[in-house]
Protein backbone atom coordinates (compact mmCIF):
# COMPACT_ATOMS: atom_id res chain seq x y z
CA MET A 1 220.64 61.10 -28.21
CA LYS A 2 222.95 62.78 -25.67
CA SER A 3 224.90 64.49 -28.43
CA TYR A 4 221.72 66.26 -29.57
CA TYR A 5 221.29 67.69 -26.08
CA TRP A 6 224.84 69.00 -26.11
CA ILE A 7 224.38 70.58 -29.53
CA PHE A 8 221.11 72.20 -28.42
CA ALA A 9 222.67 73.46 -25.16
CA PHE A 10 225.68 74.87 -27.03
CA ALA A 11 223.42 76.64 -29.53
CA LEU A 12 221.41 78.22 -26.70
CA LEU A 13 224.59 79.31 -24.90
CA ALA A 14 226.08 80.79 -28.06
CA ASN A 15 222.87 82.72 -28.74
CA ALA A 16 222.74 84.06 -25.16
CA CYS A 17 226.37 85.18 -25.25
CA SER A 18 226.01 87.01 -28.54
CA LYS A 19 222.71 88.73 -27.74
CA ASP A 20 224.26 91.95 -26.34
CA ALA A 21 226.68 92.25 -29.25
CA ALA A 22 223.94 91.65 -31.80
CA THR A 23 221.51 94.18 -30.32
CA GLY A 24 224.21 96.76 -29.64
CA VAL A 25 222.95 97.78 -26.20
CA ALA A 26 226.01 99.89 -25.40
CA PRO A 27 226.04 103.42 -26.75
CA VAL A 28 228.62 104.33 -29.38
CA ILE A 29 230.32 107.73 -29.39
CA LYS A 30 232.52 109.51 -31.91
CA PHE A 31 234.71 112.59 -31.48
CA ILE A 32 233.56 115.50 -33.67
CA SER A 33 235.52 118.56 -32.54
CA VAL A 34 236.99 120.65 -29.74
CA SER A 35 236.58 124.42 -29.57
CA SER A 36 240.30 125.08 -29.26
CA THR A 37 243.55 123.16 -28.94
CA SER A 38 245.18 125.95 -26.92
CA VAL A 39 243.69 127.48 -23.75
CA LYS A 40 244.73 129.78 -20.90
CA GLU A 41 244.48 128.15 -17.49
CA PHE A 42 241.47 129.18 -15.38
CA LYS A 43 240.28 131.63 -18.08
CA ASP A 44 239.34 129.59 -21.14
CA SER A 45 237.07 126.60 -21.24
CA LEU A 46 236.84 123.85 -23.82
CA VAL A 47 233.72 122.75 -25.63
CA ILE A 48 233.96 119.15 -26.77
CA LEU A 49 231.47 118.01 -29.38
CA LEU A 50 230.75 114.30 -29.73
CA GLU A 51 228.26 112.22 -31.65
CA TYR A 52 226.27 109.45 -29.99
CA THR A 53 224.27 106.50 -31.28
CA ASP A 54 222.21 104.20 -29.06
CA THR A 55 219.96 101.39 -30.24
CA ASP A 56 217.61 101.43 -27.25
CA GLY A 57 217.60 105.15 -26.41
CA ASP A 58 218.51 104.87 -22.74
CA ILE A 59 221.14 107.62 -22.64
CA GLY A 60 220.71 110.29 -19.99
CA GLU A 61 219.31 110.52 -16.49
CA ASP A 62 216.30 112.15 -14.86
CA ASN A 63 218.21 112.68 -11.62
CA PRO A 64 220.85 115.44 -11.99
CA ASP A 65 222.92 113.70 -9.29
CA ASN A 66 223.48 110.75 -11.66
CA ASN A 67 226.29 111.81 -13.96
CA SER A 68 226.85 109.57 -16.95
CA LEU A 69 229.44 111.33 -19.11
CA GLN A 70 233.02 110.70 -18.02
CA ILE A 71 235.83 113.03 -19.12
CA LYS A 72 239.33 112.28 -17.88
CA ASP A 73 242.32 114.57 -18.19
CA ARG A 74 245.19 112.16 -18.86
CA ARG A 75 247.42 114.06 -16.43
CA LEU A 76 245.10 113.24 -13.52
CA SER A 77 244.24 109.96 -11.84
CA ALA A 78 240.48 110.59 -11.48
CA ALA A 79 237.89 111.52 -14.08
CA ASP A 80 235.25 114.23 -13.92
CA PHE A 81 231.61 113.32 -14.52
CA TYR A 82 228.93 115.37 -16.25
CA PHE A 83 225.15 115.24 -16.25
CA VAL A 84 223.34 114.23 -19.46
CA LYS A 85 219.56 114.68 -19.60
CA PRO A 86 217.43 111.90 -21.16
CA LEU A 87 217.84 111.96 -24.93
CA ALA A 88 214.71 109.95 -25.77
CA PRO A 89 211.14 110.11 -24.41
CA PRO A 90 210.73 108.31 -21.05
CA GLY A 91 209.79 104.66 -21.36
CA SER A 92 210.64 104.44 -25.05
CA SER A 93 213.06 102.00 -26.58
CA ILE A 94 214.07 103.64 -29.85
CA LYS A 95 217.28 104.10 -31.78
CA ILE A 96 218.68 107.58 -31.23
CA LYS A 97 221.53 109.51 -32.81
CA GLY A 98 222.68 113.05 -32.20
CA GLN A 99 225.38 115.28 -30.77
CA ILE A 100 226.36 116.35 -27.27
CA ALA A 101 228.40 119.48 -26.57
CA VAL A 102 230.04 119.54 -23.14
CA GLN A 103 231.87 122.49 -21.64
CA VAL A 104 235.02 121.66 -19.66
CA LYS A 105 235.77 124.59 -17.34
CA ASN A 106 238.78 125.49 -15.23
CA VAL A 107 241.50 123.70 -17.14
CA PHE A 108 244.75 124.29 -15.26
CA LEU A 109 248.48 123.60 -15.18
CA LEU A 110 249.69 120.94 -12.77
CA GLY A 111 253.34 121.97 -12.70
CA THR A 112 255.19 125.25 -12.45
CA GLY A 113 255.97 125.57 -16.16
CA ASN A 114 254.36 127.98 -18.60
CA SER A 115 252.49 125.30 -20.56
CA GLU A 116 251.49 121.64 -20.57
CA ILE A 117 249.95 119.32 -23.14
CA THR A 118 247.19 116.84 -22.37
CA LYS A 119 244.36 114.87 -23.95
CA PHE A 120 240.91 114.13 -22.60
CA ASP A 121 239.45 110.59 -22.65
CA ILE A 122 235.66 110.40 -22.88
CA LYS A 123 233.09 107.64 -22.23
CA LEU A 124 229.30 107.63 -21.91
CA ARG A 125 227.22 105.30 -19.70
CA ASP A 126 223.57 104.50 -20.42
CA ARG A 127 220.90 103.92 -17.75
CA ALA A 128 221.44 100.15 -17.96
CA GLY A 129 225.08 100.67 -16.94
CA HIS A 130 226.63 99.91 -20.33
CA TRP A 131 229.71 102.01 -21.13
CA SER A 132 230.32 103.28 -24.62
CA ASN A 133 233.58 102.98 -26.46
CA ALA A 134 236.29 105.40 -25.29
CA ILE A 135 237.28 108.36 -27.46
CA ASN A 136 239.86 111.07 -26.94
CA THR A 137 240.57 114.62 -27.97
CA PRO A 138 243.60 115.77 -29.90
CA ASP A 139 246.44 117.32 -27.87
CA ILE A 140 245.32 120.34 -25.87
CA THR A 141 247.95 122.91 -24.84
CA ILE A 142 247.29 124.66 -21.55
CA ASN A 143 249.14 127.97 -21.12
CA LYS A 144 249.79 130.14 -18.08
């Protein structure tokens, strides 16, 4: 009889552990394009276009102080965060899919040379705190 309890407990545990993976609560993003792969420092900005999919529609924030899109220049130690407005009606739990265009301003050289190459790593967090997969841009050349 005890073995049945263990089998039942294991089945419950396995179901609980796989619930997040099965429902896909974390958003998924995909790189679409970047406006240019060569920019002048402090003059040009980049527009990065990405596609998002979220099974429960909880991407975006009502409060503009809560920034949920992370873009990290690989040359720097800290990321920059951007505001994303709610992408589904408040209180709904629906599957959503679409595109986000984000403008990255004031790209600059770190060193004293005439150009540098970098990539940007991007992640998106939903209101439940789940982070999407990480994506990155192609090489971006920054010129003086």
